[in-house]
N, C-alpha and C. Protein backbone atom coordinates (compact mmCIF):
# COMPACT_ATOMS: atom_id res chain seq x y z
N MET A 1 2.56 -3.09 2.36
CA MET A 1 2.86 -4.14 1.40
C MET A 1 4.33 -4.52 1.57
N SER A 2 4.61 -5.78 1.78
CA SER A 2 6.00 -6.22 1.92
C SER A 2 6.56 -6.52 0.53
N SER A 3 7.76 -5.99 0.30
CA SER A 3 8.39 -6.10 -1.02
C SER A 3 9.71 -6.82 -0.97
N ILE A 4 10.03 -7.48 -2.07
CA ILE A 4 11.33 -8.13 -2.25
C ILE A 4 11.80 -7.84 -3.67
N ILE A 5 13.10 -7.62 -3.80
CA ILE A 5 13.70 -7.40 -5.11
C ILE A 5 14.60 -8.58 -5.43
N ILE A 6 14.34 -9.21 -6.56
CA ILE A 6 15.16 -10.32 -7.04
C ILE A 6 16.08 -9.76 -8.12
N VAL A 7 17.37 -9.77 -7.86
CA VAL A 7 18.35 -9.21 -8.80
C VAL A 7 18.94 -10.34 -9.63
N GLY A 8 18.84 -10.19 -10.94
CA GLY A 8 19.42 -11.15 -11.87
C GLY A 8 20.42 -10.43 -12.76
N SER A 9 21.67 -10.48 -12.39
CA SER A 9 22.73 -9.81 -13.16
C SER A 9 23.97 -10.68 -13.15
N ALA A 10 24.78 -10.54 -14.15
CA ALA A 10 26.04 -11.30 -14.22
C ALA A 10 27.11 -10.69 -13.33
N ARG A 11 26.88 -9.47 -12.86
CA ARG A 11 27.87 -8.76 -12.04
C ARG A 11 27.27 -8.48 -10.67
N ARG A 12 27.84 -9.07 -9.66
CA ARG A 12 27.29 -9.00 -8.30
C ARG A 12 27.14 -7.57 -7.79
N ASN A 13 28.11 -6.75 -7.93
CA ASN A 13 28.06 -5.40 -7.38
C ASN A 13 28.04 -4.33 -8.46
N GLY A 14 27.42 -4.65 -9.58
CA GLY A 14 27.37 -3.73 -10.70
C GLY A 14 26.28 -2.68 -10.55
N ASN A 15 26.01 -2.00 -11.64
CA ASN A 15 25.03 -0.92 -11.62
C ASN A 15 23.63 -1.39 -11.25
N THR A 16 23.24 -2.57 -11.71
CA THR A 16 21.90 -3.07 -11.38
C THR A 16 21.77 -3.27 -9.87
N ALA A 17 22.79 -3.81 -9.25
CA ALA A 17 22.77 -3.99 -7.79
C ALA A 17 22.69 -2.65 -7.08
N LYS A 18 23.41 -1.67 -7.57
CA LYS A 18 23.39 -0.33 -6.95
C LYS A 18 22.01 0.31 -7.08
N VAL A 19 21.44 0.21 -8.26
CA VAL A 19 20.11 0.78 -8.48
C VAL A 19 19.08 0.01 -7.65
N ALA A 20 19.20 -1.30 -7.57
CA ALA A 20 18.28 -2.12 -6.77
C ALA A 20 18.37 -1.75 -5.29
N THR A 21 19.55 -1.46 -4.81
CA THR A 21 19.73 -1.05 -3.41
C THR A 21 19.01 0.27 -3.15
N THR A 22 19.11 1.20 -4.09
CA THR A 22 18.42 2.48 -3.95
C THR A 22 16.90 2.27 -3.91
N LEU A 23 16.39 1.43 -4.81
CA LEU A 23 14.96 1.16 -4.83
C LEU A 23 14.54 0.42 -3.55
N ALA A 24 15.36 -0.50 -3.09
CA ALA A 24 15.04 -1.25 -1.86
C ALA A 24 14.88 -0.31 -0.68
N GLU A 25 15.71 0.71 -0.62
CA GLU A 25 15.59 1.69 0.47
C GLU A 25 14.26 2.43 0.38
N LYS A 26 13.84 2.80 -0.83
CA LYS A 26 12.57 3.51 -1.01
C LYS A 26 11.37 2.62 -0.66
N LEU A 27 11.47 1.34 -1.02
CA LEU A 27 10.35 0.41 -0.80
C LEU A 27 10.43 -0.30 0.55
N GLU A 28 11.54 -0.12 1.25
CA GLU A 28 11.81 -0.89 2.47
C GLU A 28 11.75 -2.38 2.15
N ALA A 29 12.42 -2.74 1.06
CA ALA A 29 12.40 -4.11 0.55
C ALA A 29 13.70 -4.82 0.85
N SER A 30 13.63 -6.13 0.90
CA SER A 30 14.84 -6.93 0.99
C SER A 30 15.28 -7.27 -0.44
N ILE A 31 16.53 -7.70 -0.57
CA ILE A 31 17.10 -8.02 -1.88
C ILE A 31 17.63 -9.44 -1.87
N VAL A 32 17.37 -10.16 -2.95
CA VAL A 32 17.95 -11.48 -3.17
C VAL A 32 18.71 -11.41 -4.49
N ASP A 33 19.96 -11.85 -4.47
CA ASP A 33 20.79 -11.88 -5.68
C ASP A 33 20.81 -13.31 -6.20
N LEU A 34 20.35 -13.51 -7.42
CA LEU A 34 20.29 -14.86 -7.99
C LEU A 34 21.67 -15.51 -8.10
N LEU A 35 22.73 -14.71 -8.11
CA LEU A 35 24.08 -15.29 -8.16
C LEU A 35 24.41 -16.09 -6.90
N ASP A 36 23.66 -15.89 -5.84
CA ASP A 36 23.89 -16.62 -4.59
C ASP A 36 23.22 -17.99 -4.57
N TYR A 37 22.52 -18.35 -5.63
CA TYR A 37 21.74 -19.58 -5.64
C TYR A 37 22.02 -20.41 -6.88
N GLN A 38 21.92 -21.71 -6.72
CA GLN A 38 22.10 -22.62 -7.84
C GLN A 38 20.74 -22.84 -8.50
N LEU A 39 20.64 -22.38 -9.74
CA LEU A 39 19.40 -22.54 -10.51
C LEU A 39 19.72 -23.23 -11.82
N SER A 40 19.08 -24.34 -12.05
CA SER A 40 19.26 -25.06 -13.30
C SER A 40 18.25 -24.56 -14.32
N PRO A 41 18.60 -24.60 -15.59
CA PRO A 41 17.61 -24.25 -16.63
C PRO A 41 16.41 -25.19 -16.55
N TYR A 42 15.27 -24.71 -17.01
CA TYR A 42 14.04 -25.49 -16.99
C TYR A 42 14.22 -26.81 -17.75
N ARG A 43 13.67 -27.87 -17.20
CA ARG A 43 13.69 -29.20 -17.82
C ARG A 43 12.26 -29.73 -17.85
N TYR A 44 11.84 -30.15 -19.01
CA TYR A 44 10.49 -30.71 -19.12
C TYR A 44 10.30 -31.92 -18.22
N THR A 45 11.36 -32.66 -17.98
CA THR A 45 11.29 -33.86 -17.15
C THR A 45 11.33 -33.55 -15.66
N ALA A 46 11.64 -32.32 -15.30
CA ALA A 46 11.71 -31.87 -13.91
C ALA A 46 12.72 -32.66 -13.08
N ASP A 47 13.71 -33.24 -13.73
CA ASP A 47 14.76 -33.99 -13.02
C ASP A 47 15.97 -33.07 -12.80
N TYR A 48 15.85 -32.21 -11.82
CA TYR A 48 16.89 -31.23 -11.56
C TYR A 48 17.99 -31.82 -10.70
N PRO A 49 19.21 -31.32 -10.88
CA PRO A 49 20.32 -31.83 -10.08
C PRO A 49 20.12 -31.54 -8.60
N THR A 50 20.69 -32.38 -7.77
CA THR A 50 20.68 -32.15 -6.34
C THR A 50 21.32 -30.79 -6.08
N GLY A 51 20.72 -30.03 -5.23
CA GLY A 51 21.26 -28.71 -4.93
C GLY A 51 20.57 -27.58 -5.67
N ASP A 52 19.68 -27.90 -6.61
CA ASP A 52 18.94 -26.85 -7.30
C ASP A 52 18.08 -26.13 -6.26
N GLN A 53 18.09 -24.81 -6.28
CA GLN A 53 17.44 -24.04 -5.21
C GLN A 53 16.23 -23.22 -5.66
N PHE A 54 15.68 -23.50 -6.82
CA PHE A 54 14.55 -22.71 -7.31
C PHE A 54 13.36 -22.77 -6.35
N ILE A 55 12.94 -23.95 -5.97
CA ILE A 55 11.77 -24.09 -5.10
C ILE A 55 12.04 -23.42 -3.75
N HIS A 56 13.24 -23.55 -3.26
CA HIS A 56 13.63 -22.88 -2.01
C HIS A 56 13.45 -21.36 -2.15
N LEU A 57 13.87 -20.79 -3.27
CA LEU A 57 13.71 -19.35 -3.50
C LEU A 57 12.24 -18.95 -3.49
N ILE A 58 11.42 -19.73 -4.15
CA ILE A 58 9.99 -19.42 -4.22
C ILE A 58 9.38 -19.47 -2.83
N GLU A 59 9.60 -20.56 -2.12
CA GLU A 59 8.99 -20.74 -0.80
C GLU A 59 9.51 -19.75 0.23
N THR A 60 10.80 -19.51 0.22
CA THR A 60 11.43 -18.69 1.25
C THR A 60 11.34 -17.20 0.98
N TYR A 61 11.44 -16.80 -0.27
CA TYR A 61 11.55 -15.38 -0.57
C TYR A 61 10.35 -14.78 -1.31
N LEU A 62 9.77 -15.48 -2.26
CA LEU A 62 8.68 -14.87 -3.02
C LEU A 62 7.34 -14.97 -2.30
N LEU A 63 6.98 -16.15 -1.88
CA LEU A 63 5.64 -16.35 -1.32
C LEU A 63 5.34 -15.50 -0.08
N PRO A 64 6.31 -15.23 0.79
CA PRO A 64 5.99 -14.40 1.96
C PRO A 64 5.74 -12.92 1.64
N HIS A 65 6.01 -12.50 0.42
CA HIS A 65 5.87 -11.08 0.06
C HIS A 65 4.68 -10.83 -0.86
N ASP A 66 4.10 -9.64 -0.72
CA ASP A 66 2.98 -9.25 -1.56
C ASP A 66 3.44 -8.62 -2.87
N HIS A 67 4.66 -8.07 -2.85
CA HIS A 67 5.17 -7.31 -4.00
C HIS A 67 6.55 -7.85 -4.37
N ILE A 68 6.68 -8.31 -5.59
CA ILE A 68 7.93 -8.89 -6.10
C ILE A 68 8.44 -7.97 -7.20
N VAL A 69 9.69 -7.55 -7.09
CA VAL A 69 10.32 -6.74 -8.13
C VAL A 69 11.43 -7.57 -8.75
N LEU A 70 11.37 -7.76 -10.05
CA LEU A 70 12.42 -8.47 -10.77
C LEU A 70 13.34 -7.43 -11.38
N ALA A 71 14.63 -7.49 -11.04
CA ALA A 71 15.60 -6.49 -11.48
C ALA A 71 16.62 -7.12 -12.42
N SER A 72 16.86 -6.41 -13.54
CA SER A 72 17.79 -6.93 -14.54
C SER A 72 18.46 -5.79 -15.29
N PRO A 73 19.73 -6.00 -15.64
CA PRO A 73 20.31 -5.09 -16.62
C PRO A 73 19.66 -5.37 -17.97
N VAL A 74 19.73 -4.41 -18.86
CA VAL A 74 19.21 -4.60 -20.20
C VAL A 74 20.35 -5.16 -21.05
N TYR A 75 20.24 -6.42 -21.43
CA TYR A 75 21.24 -7.08 -22.26
C TYR A 75 20.62 -7.35 -23.62
N TRP A 76 21.10 -6.72 -24.64
CA TRP A 76 20.59 -6.92 -25.99
C TRP A 76 19.07 -6.81 -26.03
N TYR A 77 18.55 -5.77 -25.42
CA TYR A 77 17.13 -5.41 -25.46
C TYR A 77 16.23 -6.31 -24.63
N THR A 78 16.81 -7.14 -23.81
CA THR A 78 16.00 -8.05 -23.01
C THR A 78 16.63 -8.27 -21.63
N MET A 79 16.04 -9.13 -20.83
CA MET A 79 16.54 -9.41 -19.49
C MET A 79 17.81 -10.25 -19.54
N SER A 80 18.51 -10.28 -18.42
CA SER A 80 19.74 -11.07 -18.30
C SER A 80 19.44 -12.57 -18.36
N ALA A 81 20.46 -13.34 -18.65
CA ALA A 81 20.32 -14.81 -18.68
C ALA A 81 19.93 -15.34 -17.31
N GLN A 82 20.48 -14.76 -16.26
CA GLN A 82 20.17 -15.22 -14.90
C GLN A 82 18.69 -15.05 -14.59
N LEU A 83 18.13 -13.91 -14.95
CA LEU A 83 16.72 -13.69 -14.68
C LEU A 83 15.84 -14.51 -15.61
N LYS A 84 16.30 -14.73 -16.84
CA LYS A 84 15.53 -15.55 -17.79
C LYS A 84 15.43 -16.98 -17.30
N VAL A 85 16.52 -17.54 -16.79
CA VAL A 85 16.47 -18.90 -16.23
C VAL A 85 15.48 -18.95 -15.07
N PHE A 86 15.54 -17.96 -14.20
CA PHE A 86 14.62 -17.90 -13.06
C PHE A 86 13.17 -17.84 -13.53
N LEU A 87 12.91 -16.97 -14.47
CA LEU A 87 11.54 -16.81 -14.98
C LEU A 87 11.07 -18.06 -15.74
N ASP A 88 11.97 -18.69 -16.50
CA ASP A 88 11.62 -19.94 -17.19
C ASP A 88 11.19 -21.02 -16.21
N ARG A 89 11.80 -21.02 -15.03
CA ARG A 89 11.48 -22.04 -14.04
C ARG A 89 10.08 -21.88 -13.46
N PHE A 90 9.42 -20.75 -13.72
CA PHE A 90 8.04 -20.60 -13.30
C PHE A 90 7.17 -21.66 -13.97
N SER A 91 7.66 -22.25 -15.06
CA SER A 91 6.93 -23.36 -15.70
C SER A 91 6.73 -24.51 -14.72
N ASP A 92 7.70 -24.71 -13.82
CA ASP A 92 7.55 -25.74 -12.79
C ASP A 92 6.36 -25.45 -11.88
N LEU A 93 6.05 -24.16 -11.71
CA LEU A 93 4.95 -23.76 -10.84
C LEU A 93 3.59 -23.97 -11.50
N LEU A 94 3.62 -24.33 -12.78
CA LEU A 94 2.39 -24.62 -13.50
C LEU A 94 2.20 -26.11 -13.73
N THR A 95 3.26 -26.88 -13.43
CA THR A 95 3.19 -28.32 -13.69
C THR A 95 3.44 -29.12 -12.41
N THR A 96 4.68 -29.26 -12.01
CA THR A 96 5.03 -30.14 -10.88
C THR A 96 4.84 -29.50 -9.51
N HIS A 97 4.69 -28.19 -9.44
CA HIS A 97 4.52 -27.49 -8.16
C HIS A 97 3.35 -26.50 -8.25
N LYS A 98 2.21 -27.01 -8.70
CA LYS A 98 1.04 -26.15 -8.92
C LYS A 98 0.58 -25.45 -7.65
N SER A 99 0.68 -26.12 -6.52
CA SER A 99 0.19 -25.49 -5.28
C SER A 99 1.01 -24.24 -4.95
N LEU A 100 2.29 -24.25 -5.27
CA LEU A 100 3.11 -23.04 -5.06
C LEU A 100 2.75 -21.97 -6.09
N GLY A 101 2.56 -22.38 -7.31
CA GLY A 101 2.21 -21.44 -8.37
C GLY A 101 0.90 -20.71 -8.09
N ARG A 102 -0.06 -21.44 -7.55
CA ARG A 102 -1.35 -20.81 -7.24
C ARG A 102 -1.21 -19.72 -6.19
N GLN A 103 -0.21 -19.84 -5.33
CA GLN A 103 0.00 -18.85 -4.28
C GLN A 103 0.56 -17.53 -4.81
N LEU A 104 0.98 -17.50 -6.05
CA LEU A 104 1.45 -16.24 -6.65
C LEU A 104 0.29 -15.38 -7.14
N ARG A 105 -0.87 -15.99 -7.35
CA ARG A 105 -2.03 -15.25 -7.83
C ARG A 105 -2.34 -14.09 -6.89
N GLY A 106 -2.60 -12.95 -7.50
CA GLY A 106 -2.95 -11.77 -6.72
C GLY A 106 -1.78 -10.98 -6.20
N LYS A 107 -0.58 -11.55 -6.24
CA LYS A 107 0.60 -10.79 -5.83
C LYS A 107 0.93 -9.78 -6.92
N GLN A 108 1.64 -8.74 -6.54
CA GLN A 108 2.04 -7.72 -7.50
C GLN A 108 3.47 -7.99 -7.96
N LEU A 109 3.69 -7.88 -9.26
CA LEU A 109 5.02 -8.04 -9.83
C LEU A 109 5.39 -6.77 -10.57
N SER A 110 6.54 -6.21 -10.21
CA SER A 110 7.06 -5.01 -10.86
C SER A 110 8.41 -5.35 -11.47
N VAL A 111 8.94 -4.43 -12.26
CA VAL A 111 10.21 -4.67 -12.95
C VAL A 111 11.12 -3.46 -12.77
N LEU A 112 12.38 -3.76 -12.52
CA LEU A 112 13.43 -2.74 -12.47
C LEU A 112 14.45 -3.09 -13.55
N SER A 113 14.59 -2.21 -14.52
CA SER A 113 15.61 -2.38 -15.56
C SER A 113 16.74 -1.41 -15.28
N CYS A 114 17.92 -1.73 -15.80
CA CYS A 114 19.08 -0.86 -15.61
C CYS A 114 19.90 -0.88 -16.89
N SER A 115 20.28 0.32 -17.36
CA SER A 115 21.13 0.41 -18.54
C SER A 115 22.02 1.65 -18.41
N ASN A 116 22.69 1.99 -19.49
CA ASN A 116 23.65 3.09 -19.45
C ASN A 116 23.02 4.47 -19.48
N ASP A 117 21.76 4.57 -19.85
CA ASP A 117 21.12 5.88 -19.89
C ASP A 117 19.62 5.76 -19.69
N ARG A 118 18.94 6.87 -19.76
CA ARG A 118 17.50 6.93 -19.50
C ARG A 118 16.67 6.21 -20.56
N GLN A 119 17.16 6.10 -21.76
CA GLN A 119 16.39 5.50 -22.85
C GLN A 119 16.29 3.99 -22.68
N ILE A 120 15.09 3.48 -22.89
CA ILE A 120 14.89 2.03 -22.88
C ILE A 120 13.81 1.69 -23.90
N ASN A 121 14.01 0.57 -24.56
CA ASN A 121 13.03 0.11 -25.52
C ASN A 121 11.85 -0.49 -24.75
N GLU A 122 10.67 -0.01 -25.02
CA GLU A 122 9.45 -0.47 -24.34
C GLU A 122 9.28 -1.98 -24.40
N SER A 123 9.79 -2.62 -25.44
CA SER A 123 9.62 -4.06 -25.59
C SER A 123 10.31 -4.85 -24.48
N PHE A 124 11.25 -4.24 -23.78
CA PHE A 124 11.93 -4.92 -22.68
C PHE A 124 10.93 -5.49 -21.68
N TYR A 125 9.86 -4.77 -21.44
CA TYR A 125 8.90 -5.15 -20.39
C TYR A 125 7.84 -6.15 -20.85
N ALA A 126 7.76 -6.42 -22.14
CA ALA A 126 6.68 -7.27 -22.67
C ALA A 126 6.62 -8.65 -22.01
N ALA A 127 7.73 -9.33 -21.89
CA ALA A 127 7.73 -10.68 -21.30
C ALA A 127 7.22 -10.66 -19.86
N PHE A 128 7.56 -9.62 -19.13
CA PHE A 128 7.11 -9.51 -17.73
C PHE A 128 5.61 -9.25 -17.67
N ARG A 129 5.13 -8.36 -18.51
CA ARG A 129 3.69 -8.06 -18.53
C ARG A 129 2.88 -9.31 -18.88
N LEU A 130 3.31 -10.00 -19.91
CA LEU A 130 2.57 -11.19 -20.36
C LEU A 130 2.64 -12.32 -19.33
N THR A 131 3.79 -12.51 -18.72
CA THR A 131 3.95 -13.55 -17.69
C THR A 131 3.05 -13.26 -16.49
N THR A 132 3.06 -12.03 -16.06
CA THR A 132 2.23 -11.63 -14.92
C THR A 132 0.75 -11.91 -15.21
N ASN A 133 0.30 -11.52 -16.38
CA ASN A 133 -1.08 -11.76 -16.76
C ASN A 133 -1.39 -13.25 -16.78
N TYR A 134 -0.50 -14.04 -17.35
CA TYR A 134 -0.71 -15.49 -17.47
C TYR A 134 -0.81 -16.15 -16.09
N LEU A 135 -0.02 -15.66 -15.14
CA LEU A 135 0.01 -16.25 -13.80
C LEU A 135 -1.08 -15.71 -12.87
N GLY A 136 -1.87 -14.75 -13.34
CA GLY A 136 -2.92 -14.19 -12.49
C GLY A 136 -2.37 -13.24 -11.45
N MET A 137 -1.22 -12.66 -11.74
CA MET A 137 -0.62 -11.68 -10.84
C MET A 137 -1.02 -10.28 -11.30
N ASN A 138 -0.78 -9.30 -10.47
CA ASN A 138 -1.04 -7.90 -10.82
C ASN A 138 0.26 -7.27 -11.27
N TYR A 139 0.23 -6.63 -12.43
CA TYR A 139 1.44 -5.99 -12.94
C TYR A 139 1.57 -4.61 -12.31
N GLY A 140 2.70 -4.38 -11.69
CA GLY A 140 2.93 -3.13 -10.99
C GLY A 140 3.73 -2.13 -11.80
N ARG A 141 4.52 -1.41 -11.11
CA ARG A 141 5.30 -0.32 -11.68
C ARG A 141 6.52 -0.84 -12.45
N GLU A 142 6.92 -0.08 -13.42
CA GLU A 142 8.18 -0.34 -14.14
C GLU A 142 9.15 0.77 -13.77
N TRP A 143 10.27 0.37 -13.18
CA TRP A 143 11.32 1.32 -12.85
C TRP A 143 12.46 1.13 -13.83
N HIS A 144 13.15 2.21 -14.12
CA HIS A 144 14.37 2.13 -14.93
C HIS A 144 15.44 2.98 -14.26
N GLY A 145 16.61 2.38 -14.09
CA GLY A 145 17.70 3.09 -13.44
C GLY A 145 18.94 3.14 -14.30
N TRP A 146 19.76 4.15 -14.05
CA TRP A 146 21.04 4.31 -14.71
C TRP A 146 21.91 5.17 -13.80
N ILE A 147 23.19 5.18 -14.06
CA ILE A 147 24.13 5.93 -13.22
C ILE A 147 24.86 6.94 -14.08
N VAL A 148 24.84 8.20 -13.62
CA VAL A 148 25.50 9.30 -14.31
C VAL A 148 26.43 9.99 -13.31
N ASN A 149 27.72 10.03 -13.63
CA ASN A 149 28.70 10.67 -12.72
C ASN A 149 28.57 10.15 -11.29
N ASN A 150 28.49 8.83 -11.15
CA ASN A 150 28.36 8.16 -9.85
C ASN A 150 27.07 8.51 -9.10
N ARG A 151 26.09 9.09 -9.78
CA ARG A 151 24.80 9.42 -9.18
C ARG A 151 23.74 8.49 -9.77
N ILE A 152 23.00 7.85 -8.91
CA ILE A 152 21.97 6.92 -9.36
C ILE A 152 20.71 7.70 -9.74
N GLU A 153 20.23 7.43 -10.95
CA GLU A 153 18.98 8.02 -11.44
C GLU A 153 17.96 6.89 -11.50
N LEU A 154 16.74 7.19 -11.12
CA LEU A 154 15.69 6.18 -11.10
C LEU A 154 14.38 6.83 -11.54
N ALA A 155 13.81 6.31 -12.61
CA ALA A 155 12.52 6.82 -13.11
C ALA A 155 11.53 5.66 -13.07
N HIS A 156 10.25 6.01 -13.00
CA HIS A 156 9.24 4.94 -12.99
C HIS A 156 8.03 5.34 -13.83
N SER A 157 7.31 4.30 -14.20
CA SER A 157 6.06 4.51 -14.93
C SER A 157 4.96 4.75 -13.91
N PRO A 158 3.91 5.44 -14.29
CA PRO A 158 2.77 5.55 -13.38
C PRO A 158 2.07 4.20 -13.28
N ILE A 159 1.45 3.95 -12.18
CA ILE A 159 0.71 2.69 -12.01
C ILE A 159 -0.66 2.85 -12.63
């Protein structure tokens, strides 16, 4: 299964990136950092500015892979703003780019969260679970990472 990790964090080389790199090594996955791309917030009119790269990300990075991992720090009990904008844009895949959206069906989507310690509120994963179900994707593993004394810790849920 080919995997890709989409990192959505406000800090390019922060703890989430470090934990994502560790997971990428285990999964033999590539990593895409959303900070490297111009993504506009979702617009009902679909009139995005020139240079918006959402569709490019979907076509180039998500569709070629069977397993997509969305990685985010835990900000106020939920995903980062960067990942939220990316996930909100999936609405385009249900309206103006339906043919691309249909290609996500059957793919596996997992989540990697990162915070200061092992504890995480279960509700963090709800939006991902519900989105996956709505899109006809398979919900995969939930990983949670944190760093203690410069050592990366990574735990996961059973599938």
